[in-house]
Structures are given as C-alpha cells and as structure tokens.
Amino acid sequence: MDSQKPDQPTPDTHAQARLPFPIVGIGASAGGFRALAALLEKLPRSPGVALVIVLHLPVDQQSKADRVLQRSTRLPVVQVNHSMPILPDQVYVVPPARSLKMEDGRLVLHQLDSAPGDPKTIDIFFRTLAMAHRENAVGVILSGMGSDGSAGLACIKEQGGVTLVQSPADAEQASMPQSAIDAGMADFVLAAAQMPAKLMELRGITQAIREHARHGHPPTEVGFDMGADPERTLQDVLSLLQEHTGHDFHQYKHATLLRRLERRLQVRGQPDLPSYRDLQRRDAGESHALLKDLLIGVTQFFRDRAAFLALEHTVVPHIFLGKERADTVRVWVAACSTGEEAYSLAMLLADHAATLADPPAIQVFA
C-alpha cells in the first residue's frame, strides 16, 4: 500500500474518460509466462478487449516479456515505454522497474516506489483501473509468489468490475492466486486456458445487459434494465436479501447498491433486474453472494487525498491549540476496516506533535 502522505488532491477519477470496451488487467510473477501463454493462445483474433499485463519479475525477464508473449498471440503485444492511449484488441506489458497506472483513458508510467522484495505493482494498477473504468474493468491474477493483486481485486469488485483467478492447481506458483481466493476476491477460479472463453462470455453478457438497458421500460440512468416497475423490483431484491441473510439494506446508499447489483448481473449472466430477482428467489445462495459484495471493504493509506489534506492543514493544528504536555489529544476513527485510516491519522498527529516544544500525549481509538 502507498503510505506516503498526500501533497495535493488527486483528480476525480470518476470523471475521467470512460472507454466503451472492457480493460483486462492481468497480474503475474513467478511461473507467469506459461500461464500467460495459455491464456493468450486461446484468445480470438478480435476479442474486443484490451489486455494490460503487469509482471514483477527480474529485470532481464521483464525486458523481453513483449517478445516472449508475442509468440503466443496474433494480437499486437506492446511494451509501454511512454504515456499512450489504450485500444481494444491489443496487449500491453509494463516495462521493468516501473509501475503502471490508468489516467484519463491512457496508460501512464510512474517510478516504482515499492520496497525491494515487496512489489505492489499489480495492486497499484488494479486500483487505478478500477477507479477509472469501474464496470468495464476486469482483474485477472495468474501464477505468482506473494499476495500482490488481492487488494487491487477488491477495488475492482467495489467499483463494479469482475475478477478471475487462476486455479492454484493450474499455477506453477500458487500463493498469489491462493491469496486472492482466501480473501474472497475471486468471482471465477479457472485454469489459465479457460479464461479467454470466460472473458468473451462476460463481454457478451455485458453487451446484453446494455442492450436491455437501451430498450428498458422505462429507461433508467443505470447501466441495466430495472424492469417495468424499477422501485418495486429493487425493493423485492432487498426484501429477498433480508429474508435470506437477515441484513436490511433498504436504507443503503442507492448508487453503491446499483453498482453492486450490476456486478452481480454480470457474474450470474442475467440480462436485467427482474431476471436477477427471479434467480434470487430460486437460489438463496445468491443473496449471500450479494451480501458479500455489498460488505466488501476497500481501503488504503490516505485514500481520500483531499480529505486528509484538510485534516493535515486545518483540523489537526486546531485540535492541538492550547494543549500542553499534561493534556491528551484523543481521536476516534469510526468504521475502521483494516486500520489504514487510523494509522494515516496517527501519522498526521505524530508529525504535527513533532513540531511542538511540549506536545500533549496522543490516543487514537479505532
């Protein structure tokens, strides 16, 4: 995770250019070439998606990755050596010792800040891919050592995208796929050679959902058809969710709820919300899957940059005013998931305390 303090607000990635085709981010490391070859060999000549491959391998292997992978596919394989637009029916590969991010519909190279032995390049790319392209993002984890990619898959799921993970039995190195599976981040667990067919199936399902939405009755602003009585259908889904799981989401944030529902339509191959409701009635397990999606927790250090800038420059100095060594500054962090927000705030408090001659004690409750 990036634990560096923010120095300026990041742009609103939700307002960035949204590409009309799926972008498939693929992360791999040790043993990844064989898995990548198996995946690329099965892709059709015009899959209608862009594939971006992020590897953390020795520099000598990374530098020739585009040439090695080109032997396995008829699609052009391009090493990203500068900022470039992303196009369908192409394969992009990150160059050695660099990290890759999605910015305004383009692939942009950045210096790799990860410490040696702790690469997070896959997570970095998956996060920016998720925020920039939401339901058009697909995350794939192949053979590799460690846990890189699991947190990034969580971001993709949170923003409405779909995730595929190589079966550990099919992987030369199973720890990266197993980490993603153990974290509950895999929508589909497949052999690498089975993934192209699933990607094409998902693309077809997405197109069907969009087509239904265009002819929806009445038309809605969401990306799928909610049926002739949208509010009633949505309430039916939430009532079934409560009946099957005991959790009431009727007051849940509407935009987030609809994004998660669109994701479930994709994963379960349903063209519209009434069809999904009928599936839910037949299969109580789907309500539990929807619940897991709704409760997915995604976090990172200084995640909301603008908010933490305001805390650093306005709020934190104010709460230290008038405090002496005998006093205590107490801060509560609500709804703490895995602690990154609490630790981020603790860093801001400690940094400000270090500027004072006689700082008070600090307590953070999370």
Protein backbone atom coordinates (compact mmCIF):
# COMPACT_ATOMS: atom_id res chain seq x y z
CA MET A 1 0.00 0.00 0.00
CA ASP A 2 1.07 3.56 -0.64
CA SER A 3 1.58 5.05 2.84
CA GLN A 4 3.09 8.33 1.69
CA LYS A 5 1.33 11.46 2.87
CA PRO A 6 -0.72 13.39 0.31
CA ASP A 7 0.74 16.59 -1.10
CA GLN A 8 -2.09 17.53 -3.41
CA PRO A 9 -5.60 16.26 -4.14
CA THR A 10 -5.84 13.65 -6.83
CA PRO A 11 -8.23 14.32 -9.73
CA ASP A 12 -11.71 12.89 -9.65
CA THR A 13 -11.11 9.64 -11.47
CA HIS A 14 -14.84 9.03 -11.79
CA ALA A 15 -14.92 11.97 -14.19
CA GLN A 16 -12.13 10.59 -16.36
CA ALA A 17 -12.59 9.29 -19.87
CA ARG A 18 -14.62 6.06 -19.80
CA LEU A 19 -13.68 3.64 -22.56
CA PRO A 20 -16.53 1.72 -24.24
CA PHE A 21 -14.78 -1.68 -24.12
CA PRO A 22 -13.52 -3.89 -21.27
CA ILE A 23 -9.96 -3.45 -20.00
CA VAL A 24 -8.47 -6.65 -18.61
CA GLY A 25 -5.69 -6.13 -16.10
CA ILE A 26 -3.54 -9.25 -15.66
CA GLY A 27 -1.10 -9.69 -12.79
CA ALA A 28 1.53 -12.43 -12.64
CA SER A 29 5.00 -13.14 -11.35
CA ALA A 30 6.84 -16.43 -10.85
CA GLY A 31 5.60 -19.02 -13.32
CA GLY A 32 3.52 -16.39 -15.04
CA PHE A 33 4.85 -16.80 -18.58
CA ARG A 34 3.40 -20.28 -19.02
CA ALA A 35 0.01 -19.16 -17.70
CA LEU A 36 0.05 -16.05 -19.89
CA ALA A 37 0.90 -18.11 -22.96
CA ALA A 38 -2.01 -20.48 -22.23
CA LEU A 39 -4.38 -17.51 -21.88
CA LEU A 40 -3.19 -15.58 -24.94
CA GLU A 41 -3.19 -18.62 -27.24
CA LYS A 42 -6.94 -19.11 -26.72
CA LEU A 43 -7.97 -15.51 -27.40
CA PRO A 44 -9.81 -14.84 -30.68
CA ARG A 45 -8.25 -12.56 -33.28
CA SER A 46 -10.54 -9.65 -32.32
CA PRO A 47 -11.61 -10.15 -28.71
CA GLY A 48 -12.94 -6.60 -28.33
CA VAL A 49 -10.98 -6.04 -25.11
CA ALA A 50 -7.62 -4.53 -24.19
CA LEU A 51 -5.25 -6.58 -22.04
CA VAL A 52 -2.68 -4.95 -19.75
CA ILE A 53 -0.08 -7.29 -18.22
CA VAL A 54 1.73 -6.30 -15.03
CA LEU A 55 4.64 -8.53 -14.01
CA HIS A 56 7.10 -8.39 -11.15
CA LEU A 57 9.95 -10.49 -12.45
CA PRO A 58 13.72 -9.99 -12.69
CA VAL A 59 14.56 -7.08 -14.98
CA ASP A 60 16.13 -9.31 -17.64
CA GLN A 61 12.89 -11.31 -17.91
CA GLN A 62 10.62 -8.27 -17.88
CA SER A 63 12.57 -6.50 -20.61
CA LYS A 64 11.89 -9.29 -23.10
CA ALA A 65 8.34 -10.06 -21.97
CA ASP A 66 6.69 -8.45 -25.00
CA ARG A 67 8.75 -10.55 -27.43
CA VAL A 68 8.17 -13.77 -25.50
CA LEU A 69 4.42 -13.20 -25.27
CA GLN A 70 4.12 -12.20 -28.93
CA ARG A 71 4.86 -15.83 -29.85
CA SER A 72 1.59 -16.88 -28.17
CA THR A 73 -0.88 -14.49 -29.80
CA ARG A 74 -1.90 -12.88 -33.07
CA LEU A 75 -2.74 -9.68 -31.22
CA PRO A 76 -0.04 -6.99 -31.18
CA VAL A 77 1.96 -7.02 -27.92
CA VAL A 78 3.30 -3.60 -26.95
CA GLN A 79 5.69 -2.68 -24.16
CA VAL A 80 4.52 0.59 -22.60
CA ASN A 81 7.52 2.92 -22.78
CA HIS A 82 5.62 6.21 -22.61
CA SER A 83 2.12 7.52 -21.97
CA MET A 84 -0.21 6.06 -24.58
CA PRO A 85 -3.92 5.62 -25.26
CA ILE A 86 -5.33 2.18 -24.62
CA LEU A 87 -7.01 0.46 -27.59
CA PRO A 88 -9.03 -2.74 -27.95
CA ASP A 89 -7.50 -5.88 -29.46
CA GLN A 90 -4.04 -5.08 -28.14
CA VAL A 91 -1.85 -6.47 -25.36
CA TYR A 92 0.21 -4.04 -23.25
CA VAL A 93 3.12 -5.00 -20.98
CA VAL A 94 4.64 -2.91 -18.19
CA PRO A 95 8.42 -2.36 -18.63
CA PRO A 96 11.00 -3.27 -15.96
CA ALA A 97 11.20 -1.34 -12.67
CA ARG A 98 8.19 0.86 -13.44
CA SER A 99 4.62 0.98 -12.21
CA LEU A 100 1.66 1.49 -14.50
CA LYS A 101 -1.49 3.49 -13.86
CA MET A 102 -4.67 4.33 -15.78
CA GLU A 103 -5.15 8.06 -16.16
CA ASP A 104 -7.92 9.55 -18.30
CA GLY A 105 -8.12 6.60 -20.68
CA ARG A 106 -4.35 6.35 -21.07
CA LEU A 107 -1.63 4.09 -19.73
CA VAL A 108 0.88 6.21 -17.80
CA LEU A 109 4.25 5.06 -16.44
CA HIS A 110 5.45 6.06 -12.98
CA GLN A 111 8.57 5.43 -10.96
CA LEU A 112 8.29 2.25 -8.91
CA ASP A 113 8.16 3.22 -5.23
CA SER A 114 7.78 -0.29 -3.80
CA ALA A 115 10.50 -1.51 -1.48
CA PRO A 116 12.69 -4.35 -2.81
CA GLY A 117 11.10 -7.71 -2.13
CA ASP A 118 7.66 -6.17 -1.56
CA PRO A 119 6.27 -5.39 -5.03
CA LYS A 120 2.78 -3.91 -5.20
CA THR A 121 2.73 -3.01 -8.89
CA ILE A 122 -0.33 -5.18 -9.57
CA ASP A 123 -2.33 -3.59 -6.76
CA ILE A 124 -1.33 -0.10 -7.95
CA PHE A 125 -2.53 -0.74 -11.49
CA PHE A 126 -5.71 -2.57 -10.46
CA ARG A 127 -6.73 0.31 -8.17
CA THR A 128 -6.39 2.94 -10.87
CA LEU A 129 -8.03 0.65 -13.44
CA ALA A 130 -10.99 0.14 -11.09
CA MET A 131 -11.46 3.84 -10.36
CA ALA A 132 -11.10 4.89 -14.00
CA HIS A 133 -13.23 2.21 -15.67
CA ARG A 134 -15.44 0.70 -12.98
CA GLU A 135 -17.78 -1.90 -14.52
CA ASN A 136 -15.56 -2.10 -17.64
CA ALA A 137 -12.62 -3.31 -15.53
CA VAL A 138 -11.68 -6.98 -15.28
CA GLY A 139 -8.94 -8.16 -12.93
CA VAL A 140 -7.01 -11.41 -13.51
CA ILE A 141 -4.47 -12.99 -11.15
CA LEU A 142 -2.19 -15.70 -12.50
CA SER A 143 0.71 -17.72 -11.10
CA GLY A 144 2.97 -15.88 -8.68
CA MET A 145 4.56 -15.60 -5.26
CA GLY A 146 3.15 -13.41 -2.50
CA SER A 147 -0.16 -11.59 -2.24
CA ASP A 148 0.15 -8.71 -4.72
CA GLY A 149 -3.14 -8.19 -6.55
CA SER A 150 -5.58 -9.22 -3.83
CA ALA A 151 -6.19 -5.66 -2.61
CA GLY A 152 -6.46 -4.45 -6.20
CA LEU A 153 -9.09 -7.08 -6.99
CA ALA A 154 -11.10 -5.76 -4.04
CA CYS A 155 -11.08 -2.30 -5.64
CA ILE A 156 -12.23 -3.75 -8.96
CA LYS A 157 -15.11 -5.59 -7.27
CA GLU A 158 -16.03 -2.49 -5.26
CA GLN A 159 -16.33 -0.42 -8.44
CA GLY A 160 -18.46 -2.99 -10.27
CA GLY A 161 -15.84 -4.95 -12.21
CA VAL A 162 -15.33 -8.72 -12.39
CA THR A 163 -12.38 -10.82 -11.19
CA LEU A 164 -10.81 -14.05 -12.46
CA VAL A 165 -8.16 -16.03 -10.59
CA GLN A 166 -6.08 -18.94 -11.85
CA SER A 167 -6.82 -22.21 -10.11
CA PRO A 168 -3.94 -22.92 -7.68
CA ALA A 169 -3.80 -26.47 -9.05
CA ASP A 170 -3.12 -25.00 -12.51
CA ALA A 171 -0.48 -22.49 -11.35
CA GLU A 172 3.25 -23.10 -11.12
CA GLN A 173 3.34 -20.84 -8.06
CA ALA A 174 0.02 -20.89 -6.22
CA SER A 175 0.47 -18.27 -3.48
CA MET A 176 -0.77 -15.22 -5.43
CA PRO A 177 -3.92 -16.98 -6.69
CA GLN A 178 -4.50 -18.61 -3.31
CA SER A 179 -4.18 -15.26 -1.54
CA ALA A 180 -6.88 -13.77 -3.77
CA ILE A 181 -9.16 -16.78 -3.25
CA ASP A 182 -8.65 -16.77 0.53
CA ALA A 183 -9.51 -13.05 0.61
CA GLY A 184 -12.80 -13.80 -1.17
CA MET A 185 -11.82 -11.72 -4.20
CA ALA A 186 -12.29 -14.33 -6.96
CA ASP A 187 -15.54 -14.30 -8.91
CA PHE A 188 -14.28 -17.17 -11.07
CA VAL A 189 -11.48 -19.66 -10.37
CA LEU A 190 -10.30 -21.18 -13.66
CA ALA A 191 -7.36 -22.73 -15.42
CA ALA A 192 -5.50 -20.11 -17.46
CA ALA A 193 -6.58 -21.74 -20.74
CA GLN A 194 -10.25 -21.44 -19.71
CA MET A 195 -10.08 -17.71 -19.08
CA PRO A 196 -10.42 -16.45 -22.68
CA ALA A 197 -13.79 -18.20 -23.07
CA LYS A 198 -14.97 -16.66 -19.79
CA LEU A 199 -13.77 -13.22 -20.86
CA MET A 200 -15.71 -13.49 -24.12
CA GLU A 201 -18.76 -14.75 -22.21
CA LEU A 202 -18.56 -11.79 -19.84
CA ARG A 203 -18.23 -9.37 -22.74
CA GLY A 204 -21.35 -10.87 -24.33
CA ILE A 205 -23.28 -10.67 -21.05
CA THR A 206 -22.28 -7.02 -20.61
CA GLN A 207 -23.43 -6.21 -24.14
CA ALA A 208 -26.75 -7.97 -23.48
CA ILE A 209 -27.24 -6.00 -20.24
CA ARG A 210 -26.51 -2.73 -22.06
CA GLU A 211 -28.88 -3.67 -24.88
CA HIS A 212 -31.67 -4.39 -22.40
CA ALA A 213 -30.94 -1.07 -20.71
CA ARG A 214 -31.25 0.82 -24.01
CA HIS A 215 -34.69 -0.71 -24.53
CA GLY A 216 -35.64 -0.59 -20.86
CA HIS A 217 -39.19 0.21 -19.75
CA PRO A 218 -38.99 2.88 -18.51
CA PRO A 219 -35.38 3.80 -19.42
CA THR A 220 -33.10 4.43 -16.44
CA GLU A 221 -29.77 6.15 -15.91
CA VAL A 222 -28.15 2.97 -14.57
CA GLY A 223 -26.33 0.55 -16.83
CA PHE A 224 -29.01 -2.16 -16.75
CA ASP A 225 -32.76 -2.58 -17.26
CA MET A 226 -34.60 -2.45 -13.93
CA GLY A 227 -37.93 -3.58 -15.38
CA ALA A 228 -41.36 -2.01 -15.82
CA ASP A 229 -41.59 -1.10 -12.12
CA PRO A 230 -37.98 -0.32 -11.09
CA GLU A 231 -38.64 0.68 -7.49
CA ARG A 232 -40.82 -2.35 -6.79
CA THR A 233 -38.28 -4.72 -8.35
CA LEU A 234 -35.45 -3.20 -6.35
CA GLN A 235 -37.47 -3.48 -3.13
CA ASP A 236 -38.17 -7.14 -3.96
CA VAL A 237 -34.42 -7.77 -4.30
CA LEU A 238 -33.71 -6.06 -0.97
CA SER A 239 -36.53 -7.93 0.76
CA LEU A 240 -35.18 -11.25 -0.52
CA LEU A 241 -31.72 -10.22 0.64
CA GLN A 242 -33.09 -9.54 4.13
CA GLU A 243 -35.11 -12.77 4.15
CA HIS A 244 -32.13 -14.93 3.15
CA THR A 245 -29.36 -13.21 5.14
CA GLY A 246 -31.04 -11.26 7.95
CA HIS A 247 -29.48 -7.98 6.77
CA ASP A 248 -31.61 -4.97 5.86
CA PHE A 249 -30.16 -2.79 3.08
CA HIS A 250 -33.29 -0.75 2.31
CA GLN A 251 -31.56 2.43 3.50
CA TYR A 252 -28.23 1.66 1.83
CA LYS A 253 -26.64 4.24 -0.47
CA HIS A 254 -28.52 3.94 -3.77
CA ALA A 255 -25.61 4.43 -6.18
CA THR A 256 -23.43 1.83 -4.43
CA LEU A 257 -26.30 -0.64 -4.27
CA LEU A 258 -27.00 -0.36 -8.00
CA ARG A 259 -23.30 -0.70 -8.87
CA ARG A 260 -23.06 -3.92 -6.86
CA LEU A 261 -26.27 -5.23 -8.44
CA GLU A 262 -24.96 -4.59 -11.94
CA ARG A 263 -21.86 -6.57 -11.00
CA ARG A 264 -23.99 -9.50 -9.82
CA LEU A 265 -25.94 -9.40 -13.10
CA GLN A 266 -22.64 -9.76 -14.96
CA VAL A 267 -21.30 -12.55 -12.78
CA ARG A 268 -24.55 -14.54 -12.90
CA GLY A 269 -25.31 -13.84 -16.57
CA GLN A 270 -28.67 -12.12 -16.02
CA PRO A 271 -29.82 -9.52 -18.59
CA ASP A 272 -31.97 -7.36 -16.28
CA LEU A 273 -33.02 -6.84 -12.68
CA PRO A 274 -36.31 -8.79 -12.86
CA SER A 275 -34.36 -11.82 -14.11
CA TYR A 276 -31.89 -11.38 -11.26
CA ARG A 277 -34.74 -11.19 -8.73
CA ASP A 278 -36.14 -14.45 -10.09
CA LEU A 279 -32.69 -16.06 -9.76
CA GLN A 280 -32.53 -14.82 -6.17
CA ARG A 281 -35.87 -16.49 -5.44
CA ARG A 282 -34.59 -19.80 -6.81
CA ASP A 283 -31.11 -19.62 -5.31
CA ALA A 284 -30.82 -18.29 -1.74
CA GLY A 285 -27.03 -18.56 -2.08
CA GLU A 286 -27.12 -15.61 -4.48
CA SER A 287 -28.36 -13.35 -1.69
CA HIS A 288 -25.34 -14.35 0.38
CA ALA A 289 -23.05 -13.57 -2.59
CA LEU A 290 -24.74 -10.17 -2.98
CA LEU A 291 -24.26 -9.53 0.74
CA LYS A 292 -20.52 -10.23 0.45
CA ASP A 293 -20.31 -7.77 -2.44
CA LEU A 294 -22.19 -5.10 -0.51
CA LEU A 295 -19.94 -5.50 2.53
CA ILE A 296 -16.66 -5.53 0.61
CA GLY A 297 -14.08 -3.40 2.41
CA VAL A 298 -11.54 -1.47 0.37
CA THR A 299 -9.06 0.87 2.00
CA GLN A 300 -5.55 2.26 1.74
CA PHE A 301 -3.37 4.83 3.43
CA PHE A 302 -4.55 8.43 2.82
CA ARG A 303 -7.21 7.08 0.49
CA ASP A 304 -9.26 10.31 0.23
CA ARG A 305 -6.40 12.69 -0.51
CA ALA A 306 -8.42 15.91 -0.38
CA ALA A 307 -9.94 14.97 2.98
CA PHE A 308 -6.57 14.11 4.51
CA LEU A 309 -5.09 17.37 3.22
CA ALA A 310 -7.86 19.24 5.01
CA LEU A 311 -7.21 17.23 8.16
CA GLU A 312 -3.47 17.88 7.98
CA HIS A 313 -3.59 21.61 7.35
CA THR A 314 -6.81 22.70 9.11
CA VAL A 315 -8.20 20.19 11.60
CA VAL A 316 -5.09 18.71 13.21
CA PRO A 317 -3.44 22.09 14.05
CA HIS A 318 -6.74 23.31 15.51
CA ILE A 319 -7.22 20.39 17.91
CA PHE A 320 -3.69 20.89 19.28
CA LEU A 321 -4.35 24.55 20.11
CA GLY A 322 -3.94 25.24 23.82
CA LYS A 323 -2.82 21.70 24.59
CA GLU A 324 0.16 21.17 26.91
CA ARG A 325 2.32 18.23 27.88
CA ALA A 326 -0.12 17.20 30.63
CA ASP A 327 -3.04 17.09 28.19
CA THR A 328 -4.13 14.32 25.82
CA VAL A 329 -5.39 14.62 22.26
CA ARG A 330 -7.93 11.85 21.67
CA VAL A 331 -9.15 10.92 18.19
CA TRP A 332 -11.80 8.38 17.21
CA VAL A 333 -11.86 6.67 13.79
CA ALA A 334 -15.29 5.22 13.06
CA ALA A 335 -15.97 2.12 10.93
CA CYS A 336 -12.33 1.05 10.89
CA SER A 337 -11.75 -1.83 8.46
CA THR A 338 -8.13 -2.97 8.45
CA GLY A 339 -6.62 0.11 10.10
CA GLU A 340 -5.16 2.19 7.26
CA GLU A 341 -7.35 5.23 8.05
CA ALA A 342 -6.43 5.08 11.75
CA TYR A 343 -2.73 4.80 11.01
CA SER A 344 -2.95 7.59 8.43
CA LEU A 345 -4.48 9.89 11.00
CA ALA A 346 -1.93 8.81 13.61
CA MET A 347 0.87 9.81 11.21
CA LEU A 348 -0.63 13.28 10.76
CA LEU A 349 -0.99 13.71 14.52
CA ALA A 350 2.55 12.50 15.22
CA ASP A 351 4.02 14.77 12.53
CA HIS A 352 2.26 17.82 13.95
CA ALA A 353 3.21 16.91 17.53
CA ALA A 354 6.85 16.75 16.43
CA THR A 355 6.70 20.47 15.54
CA LEU A 356 5.69 21.47 19.09
CA ALA A 357 8.01 22.18 22.01
CA ASP A 358 5.85 20.40 24.61
CA PRO A 359 3.34 18.24 22.73
CA PRO A 360 0.48 16.52 24.53
CA ALA A 361 0.01 12.77 24.56
CA ILE A 362 -1.96 11.26 21.66
CA GLN A 363 -4.54 8.49 21.72
CA VAL A 364 -6.23 7.08 18.63
CA PHE A 365 -9.29 4.82 19.01
CA ALA A 366 -10.34 2.73 16.00
